[in-house]
Amino acid sequence: PTFIDVDLSGGGALADIGCYAVDTAMYVLGFPEPETAIGVMYTKFGRNPEYASIGCWGSKWRPEDFKVEDMAVGFVKFENGLSMIIETSWASYIGKPAVFNVVLLGDKGGAQMDPLEVYRGLTLEDYKKLSYGPFNLVAKPVASLPKLDIYHLRIARFIESVKLGKPLFSPADEGVRVQAIIDAIYKSAKLGKEVEVQKPWKN
């Protein structure tokens, strides 16, 4: 199958599904300038004869033909001091059939995508009312947004772009930035060291 041949597919779990997590995180962060990346790749499940013989991801394959990662972990540093951790895999021993989430952690609040919630820390007055230590504090949700039909919104925005000249939700330069991060994670994993993120949008 071409899907597991890196020369034909370009990559495994990171390129296939990790790209959506990177894109979502970058969008929420306002597409900051990436600086460096560190990546590690694992190919474990795909080369296991038991999984290959039953064709977990569609058709069956020979274990020795599985040449893409089924798990990738990346760490990206940005010029403004932000950092991002990416974990993506086609198969994992976890308690749910599938997990897709983006979590933001800040010094004044936080947020997560699934369920979509925004949190703030407890105030000093809140803390004074508690009898236990700060490590047991749980942030309270301060905002929760309804789920929207993203496919309908995307089509509607495309029509508005054609008819009214409105910008698309996902312009090409944002895709280039996401791909540059993914490329850097792959390069780092191959070289075994931290690498700079190439920035073709600056040329």
C-alpha atoms as a PDB file:
ATOM      1  CA  PRO A   1       0.000   0.000   0.000  1.00  0.00           C
ATOM      2  CA  THR A   2       1.236   3.481  -0.869  1.00  0.00           C
ATOM      3  CA  PHE A   3      -0.008   4.863   2.459  1.00  0.00           C
ATOM      4  CA  ILE A   4       2.805   3.152   4.385  1.00  0.00           C
ATOM      5  CA  ASP A   5       5.568   3.945   1.878  1.00  0.00           C
ATOM      6  CA  VAL A   6       7.288   7.158   2.976  1.00  0.00           C
ATOM      7  CA  ASP A   7       8.537   7.877  -0.552  1.00  0.00           C
ATOM      8  CA  LEU A   8       4.949   7.964  -1.811  1.00  0.00           C
ATOM      9  CA  SER A   9       3.002   9.268   1.195  1.00  0.00           C
ATOM     10  CA  GLY A  10       5.548  11.740   2.578  1.00  0.00           C
ATOM     11  CA  GLY A  11       5.074  10.593   6.162  1.00  0.00           C
ATOM     12  CA  GLY A  12       2.958   8.703   8.634  1.00  0.00           C
ATOM     13  CA  ALA A  13       0.856   9.734  11.617  1.00  0.00           C
ATOM     14  CA  LEU A  14       2.355  13.232  11.882  1.00  0.00           C
ATOM     15  CA  ALA A  15       1.658  14.110   8.248  1.00  0.00           C
ATOM     16  CA  ASP A  16      -1.689  12.317   8.212  1.00  0.00           C
ATOM     17  CA  ILE A  17      -3.421  13.446  11.415  1.00  0.00           C
ATOM     18  CA  GLY A  18      -0.878  15.435  13.427  1.00  0.00           C
ATOM     19  CA  CYS A  19      -1.094  18.259  10.900  1.00  0.00           C
ATOM     20  CA  TYR A  20      -4.607  19.103  12.132  1.00  0.00           C
ATOM     21  CA  ALA A  21      -3.457  19.485  15.736  1.00  0.00           C
ATOM     22  CA  VAL A  22      -0.530  21.680  14.669  1.00  0.00           C
ATOM     23  CA  ASP A  23      -2.817  23.817  12.499  1.00  0.00           C
ATOM     24  CA  THR A  24      -5.422  24.208  15.257  1.00  0.00           C
ATOM     25  CA  ALA A  25      -2.828  25.166  17.869  1.00  0.00           C
ATOM     26  CA  MET A  26      -1.150  27.631  15.503  1.00  0.00           C
ATOM     27  CA  TYR A  27      -4.506  29.237  14.683  1.00  0.00           C
ATOM     28  CA  VAL A  28      -5.430  29.704  18.338  1.00  0.00           C
ATOM     29  CA  LEU A  29      -1.972  31.127  19.090  1.00  0.00           C
ATOM     30  CA  GLY A  30      -2.192  33.594  16.196  1.00  0.00           C
ATOM     31  CA  PHE A  31       0.428  31.840  14.030  1.00  0.00           C
ATOM     32  CA  PRO A  32       3.559  32.848  15.971  1.00  0.00           C
ATOM     33  CA  GLU A  33       6.999  32.603  14.348  1.00  0.00           C
ATOM     34  CA  PRO A  34       8.446  29.114  14.915  1.00  0.00           C
ATOM     35  CA  GLU A  35      12.122  29.001  15.802  1.00  0.00           C
ATOM     36  CA  THR A  36      13.346  25.442  16.423  1.00  0.00           C
ATOM     37  CA  ALA A  37      11.930  21.929  16.623  1.00  0.00           C
ATOM     38  CA  ILE A  38      12.852  18.596  18.145  1.00  0.00           C
ATOM     39  CA  GLY A  39      11.180  15.399  16.984  1.00  0.00           C
ATOM     40  CA  VAL A  40      11.214  11.665  17.608  1.00  0.00           C
ATOM     41  CA  MET A  41       9.445   9.000  15.566  1.00  0.00           C
ATOM     42  CA  TYR A  42       8.387   5.445  16.367  1.00  0.00           C
ATOM     43  CA  THR A  43       7.365   2.604  14.071  1.00  0.00           C
ATOM     44  CA  LYS A  44       6.138  -0.172  16.338  1.00  0.00           C
ATOM     45  CA  PHE A  45       2.579  -1.239  15.577  1.00  0.00           C
ATOM     46  CA  GLY A  46       3.007  -1.144  11.811  1.00  0.00           C
ATOM     47  CA  ARG A  47       5.914  -3.584  11.877  1.00  0.00           C
ATOM     48  CA  ASN A  48       4.155  -5.992  14.205  1.00  0.00           C
ATOM     49  CA  PRO A  49       3.203  -9.097  12.164  1.00  0.00           C
ATOM     50  CA  GLU A  50      -0.036  -9.526  14.138  1.00  0.00           C
ATOM     51  CA  TYR A  51      -1.348  -6.096  13.145  1.00  0.00           C
ATOM     52  CA  ALA A  52      -0.065  -6.394   9.581  1.00  0.00           C
ATOM     53  CA  SER A  53      -1.813  -9.738   9.046  1.00  0.00           C
ATOM     54  CA  ILE A  54      -5.265  -8.367   9.921  1.00  0.00           C
ATOM     55  CA  GLY A  55      -4.855  -5.020   8.149  1.00  0.00           C
ATOM     56  CA  CYS A  56      -5.659  -2.630  11.000  1.00  0.00           C
ATOM     57  CA  TRP A  57      -5.555   0.433   8.728  1.00  0.00           C
ATOM     58  CA  GLY A  58      -7.327  -0.971   5.697  1.00  0.00           C
ATOM     59  CA  SER A  59      -5.599  -3.557   3.506  1.00  0.00           C
ATOM     60  CA  LYS A  60      -3.030  -6.026   4.828  1.00  0.00           C
ATOM     61  CA  TRP A  61       0.689  -5.361   4.385  1.00  0.00           C
ATOM     62  CA  ARG A  62       4.053  -6.979   4.949  1.00  0.00           C
ATOM     63  CA  PRO A  63       5.677  -5.720   8.178  1.00  0.00           C
ATOM     64  CA  GLU A  64       8.948  -4.969   6.387  1.00  0.00           C
ATOM     65  CA  ASP A  65       7.095  -2.672   3.952  1.00  0.00           C
ATOM     66  CA  PHE A  66       5.832  -0.384   6.728  1.00  0.00           C
ATOM     67  CA  LYS A  67       8.215   2.574   6.362  1.00  0.00           C
ATOM     68  CA  VAL A  68       6.388   5.460   8.045  1.00  0.00           C
ATOM     69  CA  GLU A  69       6.026   6.401  11.695  1.00  0.00           C
ATOM     70  CA  ASP A  70       2.931   5.275  13.557  1.00  0.00           C
ATOM     71  CA  MET A  71       3.752   7.685  16.392  1.00  0.00           C
ATOM     72  CA  ALA A  72       5.499  11.060  16.464  1.00  0.00           C
ATOM     73  CA  VAL A  73       6.354  13.461  19.267  1.00  0.00           C
ATOM     74  CA  GLY A  74       7.538  17.003  18.606  1.00  0.00           C
ATOM     75  CA  PHE A  75       8.590  20.020  20.645  1.00  0.00           C
ATOM     76  CA  VAL A  76       8.562  23.440  18.965  1.00  0.00           C
ATOM     77  CA  LYS A  77       9.951  26.710  20.322  1.00  0.00           C
ATOM     78  CA  PHE A  78       8.707  30.063  19.048  1.00  0.00           C
ATOM     79  CA  GLU A  79      10.406  33.456  18.838  1.00  0.00           C
ATOM     80  CA  ASN A  80       7.948  35.003  21.321  1.00  0.00           C
ATOM     81  CA  GLY A  81       8.812  32.468  24.042  1.00  0.00           C
ATOM     82  CA  LEU A  82       5.876  30.115  23.475  1.00  0.00           C
ATOM     83  CA  SER A  83       6.440  26.392  23.173  1.00  0.00           C
ATOM     84  CA  MET A  84       4.306  23.596  21.755  1.00  0.00           C
ATOM     85  CA  ILE A  85       4.292  19.841  22.287  1.00  0.00           C
ATOM     86  CA  ILE A  86       2.763  17.597  19.628  1.00  0.00           C
ATOM     87  CA  GLU A  87       1.883  13.961  20.249  1.00  0.00           C
ATOM     88  CA  THR A  88       0.212  12.023  17.455  1.00  0.00           C
ATOM     89  CA  SER A  89      -0.226   8.344  16.683  1.00  0.00           C
ATOM     90  CA  TRP A  90      -2.282   5.919  14.671  1.00  0.00           C
ATOM     91  CA  ALA A  91      -2.375   3.420  17.534  1.00  0.00           C
ATOM     92  CA  SER A  92      -1.912   3.745  21.297  1.00  0.00           C
ATOM     93  CA  TYR A  93      -2.900   1.930  24.447  1.00  0.00           C
ATOM     94  CA  ILE A  94      -5.356   4.496  25.806  1.00  0.00           C
ATOM     95  CA  GLY A  95      -8.823   4.293  27.319  1.00  0.00           C
ATOM     96  CA  LYS A  96     -10.684   5.817  24.360  1.00  0.00           C
ATOM     97  CA  PRO A  97     -10.980   4.703  20.732  1.00  0.00           C
ATOM     98  CA  ALA A  98      -9.776   8.103  19.520  1.00  0.00           C
ATOM     99  CA  VAL A  99      -8.559  11.305  21.136  1.00  0.00           C
ATOM    100  CA  PHE A 100      -8.096  14.656  19.416  1.00  0.00           C
ATOM    101  CA  ASN A 101      -7.442  17.614  21.637  1.00  0.00           C
ATOM    102  CA  VAL A 102      -5.502  20.848  21.765  1.00  0.00           C
ATOM    103  CA  VAL A 103      -4.674  22.150  25.248  1.00  0.00           C
ATOM    104  CA  LEU A 104      -3.336  25.639  25.985  1.00  0.00           C
ATOM    105  CA  LEU A 105      -1.549  26.328  29.278  1.00  0.00           C
ATOM    106  CA  GLY A 106      -0.793  29.906  30.310  1.00  0.00           C
ATOM    107  CA  ASP A 107       0.174  31.713  33.491  1.00  0.00           C
ATOM    108  CA  LYS A 108      -3.207  33.477  33.715  1.00  0.00           C
ATOM    109  CA  GLY A 109      -5.523  30.868  32.292  1.00  0.00           C
ATOM    110  CA  GLY A 110      -5.880  27.931  29.982  1.00  0.00           C
ATOM    111  CA  ALA A 111      -8.134  26.342  27.392  1.00  0.00           C
ATOM    112  CA  GLN A 112      -8.865  23.071  25.697  1.00  0.00           C
ATOM    113  CA  MET A 113     -10.666  22.144  22.506  1.00  0.00           C
ATOM    114  CA  ASP A 114     -12.583  18.997  23.480  1.00  0.00           C
ATOM    115  CA  PRO A 115     -14.745  19.924  25.235  1.00  0.00           C
ATOM    116  CA  LEU A 116     -14.168  23.515  24.150  1.00  0.00           C
ATOM    117  CA  GLU A 117     -13.638  25.440  27.375  1.00  0.00           C
ATOM    118  CA  VAL A 118     -11.604  28.377  28.637  1.00  0.00           C
ATOM    119  CA  TYR A 119     -10.325  28.408  32.220  1.00  0.00           C
ATOM    120  CA  ARG A 120      -8.920  30.915  34.657  1.00  0.00           C
ATOM    121  CA  GLY A 121      -7.048  30.367  37.886  1.00  0.00           C
ATOM    122  CA  LEU A 122      -8.538  30.998  41.279  1.00  0.00           C
ATOM    123  CA  THR A 123      -8.170  34.486  42.715  1.00  0.00           C
ATOM    124  CA  LEU A 124      -6.391  35.178  45.989  1.00  0.00           C
ATOM    125  CA  GLU A 125      -9.804  35.552  47.667  1.00  0.00           C
ATOM    126  CA  ASP A 126     -10.882  32.148  46.323  1.00  0.00           C
ATOM    127  CA  TYR A 127      -7.665  30.632  47.628  1.00  0.00           C
ATOM    128  CA  LYS A 128      -8.143  32.089  51.123  1.00  0.00           C
ATOM    129  CA  LYS A 129     -11.472  30.251  51.411  1.00  0.00           C
ATOM    130  CA  LEU A 130      -9.872  26.856  50.719  1.00  0.00           C
ATOM    131  CA  SER A 131      -8.361  24.602  53.356  1.00  0.00           C
ATOM    132  CA  TYR A 132      -6.081  22.632  51.059  1.00  0.00           C
ATOM    133  CA  GLY A 133      -2.870  23.539  49.278  1.00  0.00           C
ATOM    134  CA  PRO A 134      -2.390  25.121  45.850  1.00  0.00           C
ATOM    135  CA  PHE A 135      -1.526  21.823  44.169  1.00  0.00           C
ATOM    136  CA  ASN A 136      -5.136  20.708  44.643  1.00  0.00           C
ATOM    137  CA  LEU A 137      -6.688  23.770  43.034  1.00  0.00           C
ATOM    138  CA  VAL A 138      -8.863  23.153  40.004  1.00  0.00           C
ATOM    139  CA  ALA A 139      -9.452  25.967  37.540  1.00  0.00           C
ATOM    140  CA  LYS A 140     -13.078  26.909  37.017  1.00  0.00           C
ATOM    141  CA  PRO A 141     -14.472  27.142  33.486  1.00  0.00           C
ATOM    142  CA  VAL A 142     -15.333  30.733  32.605  1.00  0.00           C
ATOM    143  CA  ALA A 143     -16.498  30.197  29.045  1.00  0.00           C
ATOM    144  CA  SER A 144     -17.949  27.350  27.029  1.00  0.00           C
ATOM    145  CA  LEU A 145     -18.764  27.735  23.341  1.00  0.00           C
ATOM    146  CA  PRO A 146     -21.343  25.731  21.372  1.00  0.00           C
ATOM    147  CA  LYS A 147     -20.214  23.204  18.788  1.00  0.00           C
ATOM    148  CA  LEU A 148     -20.601  24.429  15.209  1.00  0.00           C
ATOM    149  CA  ASP A 149     -20.886  22.655  11.867  1.00  0.00           C
ATOM    150  CA  ILE A 150     -17.394  23.415  10.566  1.00  0.00           C
ATOM    151  CA  TYR A 151     -18.107  21.931   7.131  1.00  0.00           C
ATOM    152  CA  HIS A 152     -21.099  24.235   6.621  1.00  0.00           C
ATOM    153  CA  LEU A 153     -19.065  27.236   7.822  1.00  0.00           C
ATOM    154  CA  ARG A 154     -16.194  26.388   5.486  1.00  0.00           C
ATOM    155  CA  ILE A 155     -18.439  26.103   2.422  1.00  0.00           C
ATOM    156  CA  ALA A 156     -20.331  29.273   3.365  1.00  0.00           C
ATOM    157  CA  ARG A 157     -17.062  31.189   3.751  1.00  0.00           C
ATOM    158  CA  PHE A 158     -15.819  29.927   0.369  1.00  0.00           C
ATOM    159  CA  ILE A 159     -18.998  31.223  -1.263  1.00  0.00           C
ATOM    160  CA  GLU A 160     -18.573  34.569   0.514  1.00  0.00           C
ATOM    161  CA  SER A 161     -14.964  34.697  -0.682  1.00  0.00           C
ATOM    162  CA  VAL A 162     -16.017  34.184  -4.293  1.00  0.00           C
ATOM    163  CA  LYS A 163     -19.020  36.528  -4.194  1.00  0.00           C
ATOM    164  CA  LEU A 164     -17.857  39.213  -1.760  1.00  0.00           C
ATOM    165  CA  GLY A 165     -14.072  38.924  -1.819  1.00  0.00           C
ATOM    166  CA  LYS A 166     -13.782  37.949   1.858  1.00  0.00           C
ATOM    167  CA  PRO A 167     -10.522  36.227   2.867  1.00  0.00           C
ATOM    168  CA  LEU A 168     -10.606  32.457   3.311  1.00  0.00           C
ATOM    169  CA  PHE A 169     -10.530  30.953   6.792  1.00  0.00           C
ATOM    170  CA  SER A 170      -7.277  29.167   5.932  1.00  0.00           C
ATOM    171  CA  PRO A 171      -5.034  31.208   3.617  1.00  0.00           C
ATOM    172  CA  ALA A 172      -2.107  29.471   1.932  1.00  0.00           C
ATOM    173  CA  ASP A 173       0.596  31.147   4.022  1.00  0.00           C
ATOM    174  CA  GLU A 174      -0.839  29.557   7.177  1.00  0.00           C
ATOM    175  CA  GLY A 175      -0.548  26.143   5.542  1.00  0.00           C
ATOM    176  CA  VAL A 176       3.071  26.876   4.662  1.00  0.00           C
ATOM    177  CA  ARG A 177       3.854  27.641   8.316  1.00  0.00           C
ATOM    178  CA  VAL A 178       2.203  24.431   9.504  1.00  0.00           C
ATOM    179  CA  GLN A 179       4.097  22.406   6.896  1.00  0.00           C
ATOM    180  CA  ALA A 180       7.392  24.068   7.867  1.00  0.00           C
ATOM    181  CA  ILE A 181       6.897  22.912  11.463  1.00  0.00           C
ATOM    182  CA  ILE A 182       6.046  19.374  10.355  1.00  0.00           C
ATOM    183  CA  ASP A 183       9.083  19.282   8.047  1.00  0.00           C
ATOM    184  CA  ALA A 184      11.323  20.450  10.905  1.00  0.00           C
ATOM    185  CA  ILE A 185      10.020  17.731  13.238  1.00  0.00           C
ATOM    186  CA  TYR A 186      10.727  15.083  10.593  1.00  0.00           C
ATOM    187  CA  LYS A 187      14.188  16.516   9.946  1.00  0.00           C
ATOM    188  CA  SER A 188      15.004  16.591  13.657  1.00  0.00           C
ATOM    189  CA  ALA A 189      13.920  12.978  14.080  1.00  0.00           C
ATOM    190  CA  LYS A 190      16.105  11.941  11.151  1.00  0.00           C
ATOM    191  CA  LEU A 191      19.179  13.856  12.376  1.00  0.00           C
ATOM    192  CA  GLY A 192      18.635  13.153  16.067  1.00  0.00           C
ATOM    193  CA  LYS A 193      19.029  16.773  17.136  1.00  0.00           C
ATOM    194  CA  GLU A 194      17.220  20.100  17.411  1.00  0.00           C
ATOM    195  CA  VAL A 195      16.860  21.926  14.088  1.00  0.00           C
ATOM    196  CA  GLU A 196      15.814  25.383  12.951  1.00  0.00           C
ATOM    197  CA  VAL A 197      12.428  25.742  11.315  1.00  0.00           C
ATOM    198  CA  GLN A 198      12.881  26.932   7.730  1.00  0.00           C
ATOM    199  CA  LYS A 199      10.789  30.030   6.915  1.00  0.00           C
ATOM    200  CA  PRO A 200      10.083  30.319   3.183  1.00  0.00           C
ATOM    201  CA  TRP A 201       7.473  33.018   3.868  1.00  0.00           C
ATOM    202  CA  LYS A 202      10.313  35.387   4.800  1.00  0.00           C
ATOM    203  CA  ASN A 203      12.093  35.025   1.443  1.00  0.00           C
END
